[in-house]
Amino acid sequence: MCRSPRTDRVVQVVLGGLALLAGGLVLLIFVFLFLGAWPALEPGRLPNLFTDETWRPGSQRDPQFGLLPMLAASVLVTALATAIAAPMGIAGAVFHRFYLPDRWEKANHRLLELLAGVPSVVFGFWGLTVLVPAINHLHPPGQSLLAAGIVLGLMILPTIAITSQAALRAVPENQLLAAAGLGLGRARTILSIALPAAKSGIGAGILLAIARAIGETMAVVMVCGNIAEYPSSVFDPVRPVTSTIALEMGYATASHKALLYTAGLVLMLVTAALVGWLSFRKPNPVESAT
């Protein structure tokens, strides 16, 4: 069926408009956060966000606007979650691609999709009622960096596993057959051929999972302990930036709210940096050649 040039132009205009709308929404979010943060940035409080030792914006005697402990908590929780989820997700994808019987592949994929669709509050509820008491039995208080990292790791696990499966399926079959023809075993083929060829796609999935993890709120706020201090171990309570915004926005005064907007703006910039790294990274030479 042939389309007229006029129809093609209409489709091009509509799709272009939708693309511009998507990009415009991102810019509007940045503008919204910047305008909300401006009352805190204008008086010169920006240096205090990175020099004050703690976060007490409502204190009358000695207000503190230290954002670094909460930024450190966001980074540490995300790093711990990624360290848990990435090996499990990649290993699960390798098993799915090379070892799982064909009749179970679809069921396994559907289970991962179901896990990806579980609401974050359900993960948080499980963590609060099962994981936190278990950690408390091992090392009080239970609500801690470790609990937040484990819960968040389970939440981003399906993202890494599904994208890794797609990356491994995209490896050309002729490369795997050539490896078999050379006498390479299955394990050697996976390590020397499949994983290097899928490295770019696997890395993209991990970065997408990190971008989601660093902005997660509900599940983390339920299990992290919500104390805005630098942790000395994985058993110490922490308070990420997202938890602070969720807990304090409801009662914050005008100046306090501006500081929360500033925290959100900083977090948005960190996420934008991750997405930019994903968008402009160099492609894998093996995938480029294929």
C-alpha atoms as a PDB file:
ATOM      1  CA  MET A   1       0.000   0.000   0.000  1.00  0.00           C
ATOM      2  CA  CYS A   2       1.505   3.345  -1.091  1.00  0.00           C
ATOM      3  CA  ARG A   3       1.201   6.468   1.000  1.00  0.00           C
ATOM      4  CA  SER A   4       0.976   9.880  -0.572  1.00  0.00           C
ATOM      5  CA  PRO A   5       3.673  12.473   0.123  1.00  0.00           C
ATOM      6  CA  ARG A   6       1.054  14.523   1.959  1.00  0.00           C
ATOM      7  CA  THR A   7       0.364  11.647   4.365  1.00  0.00           C
ATOM      8  CA  ASP A   8       4.078  11.204   4.969  1.00  0.00           C
ATOM      9  CA  ARG A   9       4.409  14.908   5.758  1.00  0.00           C
ATOM     10  CA  VAL A  10       1.508  14.764   8.214  1.00  0.00           C
ATOM     11  CA  VAL A  11       3.009  11.746   9.967  1.00  0.00           C
ATOM     12  CA  GLN A  12       6.408  13.466  10.089  1.00  0.00           C
ATOM     13  CA  VAL A  13       4.900  16.625  11.591  1.00  0.00           C
ATOM     14  CA  VAL A  14       2.906  14.685  14.196  1.00  0.00           C
ATOM     15  CA  LEU A  15       5.849  12.532  15.251  1.00  0.00           C
ATOM     16  CA  GLY A  16       8.163  15.542  15.308  1.00  0.00           C
ATOM     17  CA  GLY A  17       5.689  17.436  17.473  1.00  0.00           C
ATOM     18  CA  LEU A  18       5.451  14.558  19.934  1.00  0.00           C
ATOM     19  CA  ALA A  19       9.252  14.334  20.108  1.00  0.00           C
ATOM     20  CA  LEU A  20       9.506  18.078  20.770  1.00  0.00           C
ATOM     21  CA  LEU A  21       6.781  17.786  23.408  1.00  0.00           C
ATOM     22  CA  ALA A  22       8.724  15.063  25.224  1.00  0.00           C
ATOM     23  CA  GLY A  23      11.907  17.134  25.202  1.00  0.00           C
ATOM     24  CA  GLY A  24       9.972  20.245  26.192  1.00  0.00           C
ATOM     25  CA  LEU A  25       8.493  18.497  29.220  1.00  0.00           C
ATOM     26  CA  VAL A  26      11.991  17.702  30.473  1.00  0.00           C
ATOM     27  CA  LEU A  27      13.009  21.345  30.059  1.00  0.00           C
ATOM     28  CA  LEU A  28       9.836  22.458  31.842  1.00  0.00           C
ATOM     29  CA  ILE A  29      10.693  20.218  34.783  1.00  0.00           C
ATOM     30  CA  PHE A  30      14.152  21.796  34.980  1.00  0.00           C
ATOM     31  CA  VAL A  31      12.652  25.287  34.809  1.00  0.00           C
ATOM     32  CA  PHE A  32      10.056  24.394  37.452  1.00  0.00           C
ATOM     33  CA  LEU A  33      12.713  23.095  39.835  1.00  0.00           C
ATOM     34  CA  PHE A  34      15.024  26.044  39.175  1.00  0.00           C
ATOM     35  CA  LEU A  35      12.293  28.617  39.827  1.00  0.00           C
ATOM     36  CA  GLY A  36      11.297  26.812  43.012  1.00  0.00           C
ATOM     37  CA  ALA A  37      14.921  26.665  44.148  1.00  0.00           C
ATOM     38  CA  TRP A  38      15.739  30.273  43.260  1.00  0.00           C
ATOM     39  CA  PRO A  39      14.711  31.766  46.675  1.00  0.00           C
ATOM     40  CA  ALA A  40      17.305  29.480  48.267  1.00  0.00           C
ATOM     41  CA  LEU A  41      19.974  30.118  45.625  1.00  0.00           C
ATOM     42  CA  GLU A  42      19.565  33.895  45.458  1.00  0.00           C
ATOM     43  CA  PRO A  43      20.648  34.698  49.065  1.00  0.00           C
ATOM     44  CA  GLY A  44      23.886  32.791  48.489  1.00  0.00           C
ATOM     45  CA  ARG A  45      22.964  29.602  50.333  1.00  0.00           C
ATOM     46  CA  LEU A  46      24.323  27.375  47.597  1.00  0.00           C
ATOM     47  CA  PRO A  47      27.772  26.976  49.264  1.00  0.00           C
ATOM     48  CA  ASN A  48      26.061  25.964  52.520  1.00  0.00           C
ATOM     49  CA  LEU A  49      24.509  22.983  50.777  1.00  0.00           C
ATOM     50  CA  PHE A  50      27.988  21.544  50.319  1.00  0.00           C
ATOM     51  CA  THR A  51      29.756  22.840  53.443  1.00  0.00           C
ATOM     52  CA  ASP A  52      27.273  22.410  56.320  1.00  0.00           C
ATOM     53  CA  GLU A  53      27.678  19.166  58.208  1.00  0.00           C
ATOM     54  CA  THR A  54      24.030  18.190  58.620  1.00  0.00           C
ATOM     55  CA  TRP A  55      20.476  19.002  57.531  1.00  0.00           C
ATOM     56  CA  ARG A  56      18.444  21.135  59.993  1.00  0.00           C
ATOM     57  CA  PRO A  57      16.748  23.804  57.856  1.00  0.00           C
ATOM     58  CA  GLY A  58      13.983  24.428  60.410  1.00  0.00           C
ATOM     59  CA  SER A  59      16.269  25.092  63.380  1.00  0.00           C
ATOM     60  CA  GLN A  60      15.929  28.567  64.883  1.00  0.00           C
ATOM     61  CA  ARG A  61      19.266  28.621  66.696  1.00  0.00           C
ATOM     62  CA  ASP A  62      21.614  26.971  64.232  1.00  0.00           C
ATOM     63  CA  PRO A  63      20.045  26.157  60.854  1.00  0.00           C
ATOM     64  CA  GLN A  64      22.067  23.726  58.766  1.00  0.00           C
ATOM     65  CA  PHE A  65      21.594  23.109  55.057  1.00  0.00           C
ATOM     66  CA  GLY A  66      24.067  20.288  54.456  1.00  0.00           C
ATOM     67  CA  LEU A  67      23.005  18.303  51.403  1.00  0.00           C
ATOM     68  CA  LEU A  68      26.130  16.161  51.063  1.00  0.00           C
ATOM     69  CA  PRO A  69      25.156  13.499  53.670  1.00  0.00           C
ATOM     70  CA  MET A  70      21.918  12.909  51.784  1.00  0.00           C
ATOM     71  CA  LEU A  71      23.629  12.917  48.389  1.00  0.00           C
ATOM     72  CA  ALA A  72      26.144  10.441  49.771  1.00  0.00           C
ATOM     73  CA  ALA A  73      23.265   8.291  51.023  1.00  0.00           C
ATOM     74  CA  SER A  74      21.611   8.358  47.578  1.00  0.00           C
ATOM     75  CA  VAL A  75      24.869   7.349  45.904  1.00  0.00           C
ATOM     76  CA  LEU A  76      25.661   4.623  48.450  1.00  0.00           C
ATOM     77  CA  VAL A  77      22.184   3.080  48.352  1.00  0.00           C
ATOM     78  CA  THR A  78      22.232   3.097  44.546  1.00  0.00           C
ATOM     79  CA  ALA A  79      25.755   1.644  44.412  1.00  0.00           C
ATOM     80  CA  LEU A  80      24.874  -1.133  46.862  1.00  0.00           C
ATOM     81  CA  ALA A  81      21.671  -1.944  44.973  1.00  0.00           C
ATOM     82  CA  THR A  82      23.570  -2.086  41.681  1.00  0.00           C
ATOM     83  CA  ALA A  83      26.275  -4.284  43.204  1.00  0.00           C
ATOM     84  CA  ILE A  84      23.535  -6.712  44.265  1.00  0.00           C
ATOM     85  CA  ALA A  85      21.355  -6.579  41.149  1.00  0.00           C
ATOM     86  CA  ALA A  86      23.922  -6.426  38.328  1.00  0.00           C
ATOM     87  CA  PRO A  87      25.668  -9.804  38.909  1.00  0.00           C
ATOM     88  CA  MET A  88      22.329 -11.521  39.584  1.00  0.00           C
ATOM     89  CA  GLY A  89      20.666  -9.955  36.538  1.00  0.00           C
ATOM     90  CA  ILE A  90      23.525 -10.767  34.160  1.00  0.00           C
ATOM     91  CA  ALA A  91      23.854 -14.310  35.517  1.00  0.00           C
ATOM     92  CA  GLY A  92      20.112 -14.818  35.154  1.00  0.00           C
ATOM     93  CA  ALA A  93      20.219 -13.535  31.570  1.00  0.00           C
ATOM     94  CA  VAL A  94      23.089 -15.903  30.700  1.00  0.00           C
ATOM     95  CA  PHE A  95      21.195 -18.833  32.198  1.00  0.00           C
ATOM     96  CA  HIS A  96      18.041 -17.807  30.324  1.00  0.00           C
ATOM     97  CA  ARG A  97      19.867 -17.522  26.992  1.00  0.00           C
ATOM     98  CA  PHE A  98      22.187 -20.530  27.084  1.00  0.00           C
ATOM     99  CA  TYR A  99      21.020 -23.035  29.705  1.00  0.00           C
ATOM    100  CA  LEU A 100      17.272 -22.728  30.265  1.00  0.00           C
ATOM    101  CA  PRO A 101      15.172 -25.238  28.275  1.00  0.00           C
ATOM    102  CA  ASP A 102      13.150 -23.666  25.500  1.00  0.00           C
ATOM    103  CA  ARG A 103       9.805 -24.557  27.076  1.00  0.00           C
ATOM    104  CA  TRP A 104      10.655 -22.478  30.183  1.00  0.00           C
ATOM    105  CA  GLU A 105      12.057 -19.387  28.477  1.00  0.00           C
ATOM    106  CA  LYS A 106       8.731 -17.625  27.974  1.00  0.00           C
ATOM    107  CA  ALA A 107       7.572 -18.355  31.523  1.00  0.00           C
ATOM    108  CA  ASN A 108      10.833 -17.037  32.971  1.00  0.00           C
ATOM    109  CA  HIS A 109      10.581 -13.867  30.903  1.00  0.00           C
ATOM    110  CA  ARG A 110       6.973 -13.288  31.996  1.00  0.00           C
ATOM    111  CA  LEU A 111       7.935 -13.722  35.646  1.00  0.00           C
ATOM    112  CA  LEU A 112      10.625 -11.064  35.278  1.00  0.00           C
ATOM    113  CA  GLU A 113       8.121  -8.717  33.651  1.00  0.00           C
ATOM    114  CA  LEU A 114       5.725  -9.372  36.537  1.00  0.00           C
ATOM    115  CA  LEU A 115       8.469  -8.608  39.056  1.00  0.00           C
ATOM    116  CA  ALA A 116       9.244  -5.367  37.214  1.00  0.00           C
ATOM    117  CA  GLY A 117       5.584  -4.353  37.552  1.00  0.00           C
ATOM    118  CA  VAL A 118       5.301  -4.872  41.317  1.00  0.00           C
ATOM    119  CA  PRO A 119       4.585  -1.488  42.995  1.00  0.00           C
ATOM    120  CA  SER A 120       7.463  -0.048  44.980  1.00  0.00           C
ATOM    121  CA  VAL A 121       5.337   0.193  48.139  1.00  0.00           C
ATOM    122  CA  VAL A 122       4.974  -3.616  48.077  1.00  0.00           C
ATOM    123  CA  PHE A 123       8.762  -3.996  48.052  1.00  0.00           C
ATOM    124  CA  GLY A 124       8.964  -1.473  50.878  1.00  0.00           C
ATOM    125  CA  PHE A 125       6.293  -3.287  52.912  1.00  0.00           C
ATOM    126  CA  TRP A 126       8.120  -6.592  52.473  1.00  0.00           C
ATOM    127  CA  GLY A 127      11.383  -4.964  53.471  1.00  0.00           C
ATOM    128  CA  LEU A 128       9.838  -3.355  56.557  1.00  0.00           C
ATOM    129  CA  THR A 129       8.115  -6.500  57.817  1.00  0.00           C
ATOM    130  CA  VAL A 130      10.609  -9.204  56.806  1.00  0.00           C
ATOM    131  CA  LEU A 131      14.018  -7.799  55.932  1.00  0.00           C
ATOM    132  CA  VAL A 132      14.328  -5.086  58.595  1.00  0.00           C
ATOM    133  CA  PRO A 133      13.587  -7.477  61.528  1.00  0.00           C
ATOM    134  CA  ALA A 134      16.103  -9.953  60.114  1.00  0.00           C
ATOM    135  CA  ILE A 135      18.809  -7.294  59.898  1.00  0.00           C
ATOM    136  CA  ASN A 136      17.852  -5.990  63.345  1.00  0.00           C
ATOM    137  CA  HIS A 137      18.413  -9.483  64.742  1.00  0.00           C
ATOM    138  CA  LEU A 138      21.867  -9.475  63.142  1.00  0.00           C
ATOM    139  CA  HIS A 139      22.801  -5.859  63.928  1.00  0.00           C
ATOM    140  CA  PRO A 140      20.361  -3.212  65.257  1.00  0.00           C
ATOM    141  CA  PRO A 141      18.561  -0.996  64.318  1.00  0.00           C
ATOM    142  CA  GLY A 142      17.534  -2.873  61.149  1.00  0.00           C
ATOM    143  CA  GLN A 143      16.401   0.144  59.128  1.00  0.00           C
ATOM    144  CA  SER A 144      19.684   0.879  57.427  1.00  0.00           C
ATOM    145  CA  LEU A 145      21.738   1.366  54.311  1.00  0.00           C
ATOM    146  CA  LEU A 146      21.869  -2.419  53.913  1.00  0.00           C
ATOM    147  CA  ALA A 147      18.081  -2.804  54.022  1.00  0.00           C
ATOM    148  CA  ALA A 148      17.587   0.007  51.504  1.00  0.00           C
ATOM    149  CA  GLY A 149      20.253  -1.443  49.195  1.00  0.00           C
ATOM    150  CA  ILE A 150      18.744  -4.946  49.235  1.00  0.00           C
ATOM    151  CA  VAL A 151      15.171  -3.725  48.617  1.00  0.00           C
ATOM    152  CA  LEU A 152      16.287  -1.391  45.849  1.00  0.00           C
ATOM    153  CA  GLY A 153      18.474  -4.102  44.337  1.00  0.00           C
ATOM    154  CA  LEU A 154      15.461  -6.414  44.050  1.00  0.00           C
ATOM    155  CA  MET A 155      13.488  -3.607  42.419  1.00  0.00           C
ATOM    156  CA  ILE A 156      16.027  -2.937  39.665  1.00  0.00           C
ATOM    157  CA  LEU A 157      16.947  -6.598  39.151  1.00  0.00           C
ATOM    158  CA  PRO A 158      14.262  -7.203  36.473  1.00  0.00           C
ATOM    159  CA  THR A 159      15.407  -4.167  34.469  1.00  0.00           C
ATOM    160  CA  ILE A 160      18.976  -5.451  34.306  1.00  0.00           C
ATOM    161  CA  ALA A 161      17.908  -9.038  33.629  1.00  0.00           C
ATOM    162  CA  ILE A 162      15.470  -8.175  30.824  1.00  0.00           C
ATOM    163  CA  THR A 163      17.828  -5.773  29.045  1.00  0.00           C
ATOM    164  CA  SER A 164      20.693  -8.252  29.390  1.00  0.00           C
ATOM    165  CA  GLN A 165      18.526 -10.976  27.873  1.00  0.00           C
ATOM    166  CA  ALA A 166      17.762  -8.711  24.913  1.00  0.00           C
ATOM    167  CA  ALA A 167      21.446  -7.874  24.486  1.00  0.00           C
ATOM    168  CA  LEU A 168      22.457 -11.544  24.521  1.00  0.00           C
ATOM    169  CA  ARG A 169      19.719 -12.461  22.041  1.00  0.00           C
ATOM    170  CA  ALA A 170      21.079  -9.763  19.713  1.00  0.00           C
ATOM    171  CA  VAL A 171      24.486 -11.484  19.477  1.00  0.00           C
ATOM    172  CA  PRO A 172      24.695 -12.867  15.910  1.00  0.00           C
ATOM    173  CA  GLU A 173      24.147 -16.606  15.794  1.00  0.00           C
ATOM    174  CA  ASN A 174      26.996 -17.049  13.320  1.00  0.00           C
ATOM    175  CA  GLN A 175      29.488 -15.867  15.952  1.00  0.00           C
ATOM    176  CA  LEU A 176      28.264 -18.527  18.377  1.00  0.00           C
ATOM    177  CA  LEU A 177      28.345 -21.184  15.663  1.00  0.00           C
ATOM    178  CA  ALA A 178      31.879 -20.140  14.688  1.00  0.00           C
ATOM    179  CA  ALA A 179      32.965 -20.504  18.303  1.00  0.00           C
ATOM    180  CA  ALA A 180      31.413 -23.964  18.439  1.00  0.00           C
ATOM    181  CA  GLY A 181      33.175 -24.838  15.174  1.00  0.00           C
ATOM    182  CA  LEU A 182      36.500 -23.868  16.718  1.00  0.00           C
ATOM    183  CA  GLY A 183      35.866 -26.281  19.556  1.00  0.00           C
ATOM    184  CA  LEU A 184      35.081 -23.743  22.281  1.00  0.00           C
ATOM    185  CA  GLY A 185      32.905 -25.043  25.088  1.00  0.00           C
ATOM    186  CA  ARG A 186      29.706 -23.335  26.165  1.00  0.00           C
ATOM    187  CA  ALA A 187      31.274 -21.536  29.124  1.00  0.00           C
ATOM    188  CA  ARG A 188      34.221 -20.313  27.049  1.00  0.00           C
ATOM    189  CA  THR A 189      31.850 -19.134  24.302  1.00  0.00           C
ATOM    190  CA  ILE A 190      29.801 -17.176  26.842  1.00  0.00           C
ATOM    191  CA  LEU A 191      32.846 -15.513  28.417  1.00  0.00           C
ATOM    192  CA  SER A 192      34.838 -14.873  25.235  1.00  0.00           C
ATOM    193  CA  ILE A 193      32.148 -14.228  22.621  1.00  0.00           C
ATOM    194  CA  ALA A 194      28.644 -13.586  23.939  1.00  0.00           C
ATOM    195  CA  LEU A 195      29.306 -11.299  26.909  1.00  0.00           C
ATOM    196  CA  PRO A 196      31.861  -9.071  25.110  1.00  0.00           C
ATOM    197  CA  ALA A 197      29.502  -8.725  22.135  1.00  0.00           C
ATOM    198  CA  ALA A 198      26.565  -7.855  24.399  1.00  0.00           C
ATOM    199  CA  LYS A 199      28.578  -5.583  26.684  1.00  0.00           C
ATOM    200  CA  SER A 200      27.127  -2.366  25.321  1.00  0.00           C
ATOM    201  CA  GLY A 201      23.508  -3.465  25.746  1.00  0.00           C
ATOM    202  CA  ILE A 202      24.153  -4.863  29.213  1.00  0.00           C
ATOM    203  CA  GLY A 203      25.847  -1.623  30.236  1.00  0.00           C
ATOM    204  CA  ALA A 204      22.898   0.381  28.927  1.00  0.00           C
ATOM    205  CA  GLY A 205      20.522  -1.706  31.030  1.00  0.00           C
ATOM    206  CA  ILE A 206      22.625  -1.188  34.141  1.00  0.00           C
ATOM    207  CA  LEU A 207      22.702   2.569  33.586  1.00  0.00           C
ATOM    208  CA  LEU A 208      18.933   2.650  33.126  1.00  0.00           C
ATOM    209  CA  ALA A 209      18.546   0.711  36.365  1.00  0.00           C
ATOM    210  CA  ILE A 210      20.849   3.149  38.160  1.00  0.00           C
ATOM    211  CA  ALA A 211      18.844   6.098  36.842  1.00  0.00           C
ATOM    212  CA  ARG A 212      15.697   4.531  38.253  1.00  0.00           C
ATOM    213  CA  ALA A 213      17.296   3.547  41.551  1.00  0.00           C
ATOM    214  CA  ILE A 214      18.703   6.963  42.354  1.00  0.00           C
ATOM    215  CA  GLY A 215      15.219   8.494  42.120  1.00  0.00           C
ATOM    216  CA  GLU A 216      13.298   5.798  43.992  1.00  0.00           C
ATOM    217  CA  THR A 217      11.407   7.083  47.040  1.00  0.00           C
ATOM    218  CA  MET A 218       8.636   5.050  48.633  1.00  0.00           C
ATOM    219  CA  ALA A 219      10.368   1.706  49.168  1.00  0.00           C
ATOM    220  CA  VAL A 220      13.576   3.375  50.354  1.00  0.00           C
ATOM    221  CA  VAL A 221      11.890   5.731  52.822  1.00  0.00           C
ATOM    222  CA  MET A 222      10.241   2.744  54.519  1.00  0.00           C
ATOM    223  CA  VAL A 223      13.477   0.870  55.282  1.00  0.00           C
ATOM    224  CA  CYS A 224      16.407   3.327  55.293  1.00  0.00           C
ATOM    225  CA  GLY A 225      16.010   4.765  58.813  1.00  0.00           C
ATOM    226  CA  ASN A 226      15.847   8.424  57.676  1.00  0.00           C
ATOM    227  CA  ILE A 227      18.766   9.923  59.589  1.00  0.00           C
ATOM    228  CA  ALA A 228      20.665  12.549  57.599  1.00  0.00           C
ATOM    229  CA  GLU A 229      24.200  11.576  58.606  1.00  0.00           C
ATOM    230  CA  TYR A 230      27.157   9.914  56.947  1.00  0.00           C
ATOM    231  CA  PRO A 231      26.958   6.151  57.616  1.00  0.00           C
ATOM    232  CA  SER A 232      29.955   4.440  59.155  1.00  0.00           C
ATOM    233  CA  SER A 233      28.784   0.972  58.104  1.00  0.00           C
ATOM    234  CA  VAL A 234      26.043  -0.670  56.043  1.00  0.00           C
ATOM    235  CA  PHE A 235      24.045  -1.186  59.252  1.00  0.00           C
ATOM    236  CA  ASP A 236      23.675   2.549  59.944  1.00  0.00           C
ATOM    237  CA  PRO A 237      20.481   4.454  59.051  1.00  0.00           C
ATOM    238  CA  VAL A 238      20.673   6.882  56.137  1.00  0.00           C
ATOM    239  CA  ARG A 239      18.429   9.423  54.454  1.00  0.00           C
ATOM    240  CA  PRO A 240      18.637   9.826  50.664  1.00  0.00           C
ATOM    241  CA  VAL A 241      17.595  13.045  48.960  1.00  0.00           C
ATOM    242  CA  THR A 242      14.330  11.561  47.716  1.00  0.00           C
ATOM    243  CA  SER A 243      13.312  10.540  51.225  1.00  0.00           C
ATOM    244  CA  THR A 244      13.952  14.048  52.530  1.00  0.00           C
ATOM    245  CA  ILE A 245      11.781  15.613  49.843  1.00  0.00           C
ATOM    246  CA  ALA A 246       8.950  13.135  50.452  1.00  0.00           C
ATOM    247  CA  LEU A 247       9.020  13.499  54.231  1.00  0.00           C
ATOM    248  CA  GLU A 248       9.420  17.276  54.525  1.00  0.00           C
ATOM    249  CA  MET A 249       7.577  18.818  51.577  1.00  0.00           C
ATOM    250  CA  GLY A 250       4.181  18.511  53.271  1.00  0.00           C
ATOM    251  CA  TYR A 251       5.027  20.819  56.198  1.00  0.00           C
ATOM    252  CA  ALA A 252       7.911  22.900  54.817  1.00  0.00           C
ATOM    253  CA  THR A 253       7.768  26.696  55.020  1.00  0.00           C
ATOM    254  CA  ALA A 254       8.589  28.905  52.026  1.00  0.00           C
ATOM    255  CA  SER A 255      12.368  29.019  52.614  1.00  0.00           C
ATOM    256  CA  HIS A 256      12.500  25.367  53.638  1.00  0.00           C
ATOM    257  CA  LYS A 257      10.527  24.385  50.529  1.00  0.00           C
ATOM    258  CA  ALA A 258      12.991  26.290  48.342  1.00  0.00           C
ATOM    259  CA  LEU A 259      15.804  24.181  49.797  1.00  0.00           C
ATOM    260  CA  LEU A 260      13.868  21.020  48.957  1.00  0.00           C
ATOM    261  CA  TYR A 261      13.447  22.273  45.400  1.00  0.00           C
ATOM    262  CA  THR A 262      17.208  22.796  45.316  1.00  0.00           C
ATOM    263  CA  ALA A 263      17.773  19.229  46.482  1.00  0.00           C
ATOM    264  CA  GLY A 264      15.445  17.996  43.746  1.00  0.00           C
ATOM    265  CA  LEU A 265      17.284  20.096  41.167  1.00  0.00           C
ATOM    266  CA  VAL A 266      20.635  18.622  42.183  1.00  0.00           C
ATOM    267  CA  LEU A 267      19.194  15.112  41.974  1.00  0.00           C
ATOM    268  CA  MET A 268      17.740  15.865  38.540  1.00  0.00           C
ATOM    269  CA  LEU A 269      21.151  17.064  37.332  1.00  0.00           C
ATOM    270  CA  VAL A 270      22.782  13.864  38.584  1.00  0.00           C
ATOM    271  CA  THR A 271      20.177  11.785  36.737  1.00  0.00           C
ATOM    272  CA  ALA A 272      20.637  13.897  33.588  1.00  0.00           C
ATOM    273  CA  ALA A 273      24.384  13.263  33.763  1.00  0.00           C
ATOM    274  CA  LEU A 274      23.741   9.502  33.869  1.00  0.00           C
ATOM    275  CA  VAL A 275      21.358   9.678  30.918  1.00  0.00           C
ATOM    276  CA  GLY A 276      23.862  11.821  29.006  1.00  0.00           C
ATOM    277  CA  TRP A 277      26.581   9.284  29.641  1.00  0.00           C
ATOM    278  CA  LEU A 278      24.259   6.592  28.317  1.00  0.00           C
ATOM    279  CA  SER A 279      23.340   8.599  25.204  1.00  0.00           C
ATOM    280  CA  PHE A 280      26.832   9.677  24.179  1.00  0.00           C
ATOM    281  CA  ARG A 281      28.890   6.634  25.158  1.00  0.00           C
ATOM    282  CA  LYS A 282      30.947   5.005  22.407  1.00  0.00           C
ATOM    283  CA  PRO A 283      29.395   1.869  20.901  1.00  0.00           C
ATOM    284  CA  ASN A 284      30.936  -1.532  21.397  1.00  0.00           C
ATOM    285  CA  PRO A 285      33.274  -2.304  18.444  1.00  0.00           C
ATOM    286  CA  VAL A 286      31.940  -5.880  18.179  1.00  0.00           C
ATOM    287  CA  GLU A 287      28.331  -4.672  17.917  1.00  0.00           C
ATOM    288  CA  SER A 288      29.305  -1.927  15.489  1.00  0.00           C
ATOM    289  CA  ALA A 289      30.924  -4.447  13.205  1.00  0.00           C
ATOM    290  CA  THR A 290      27.782  -6.576  13.168  1.00  0.00           C
END
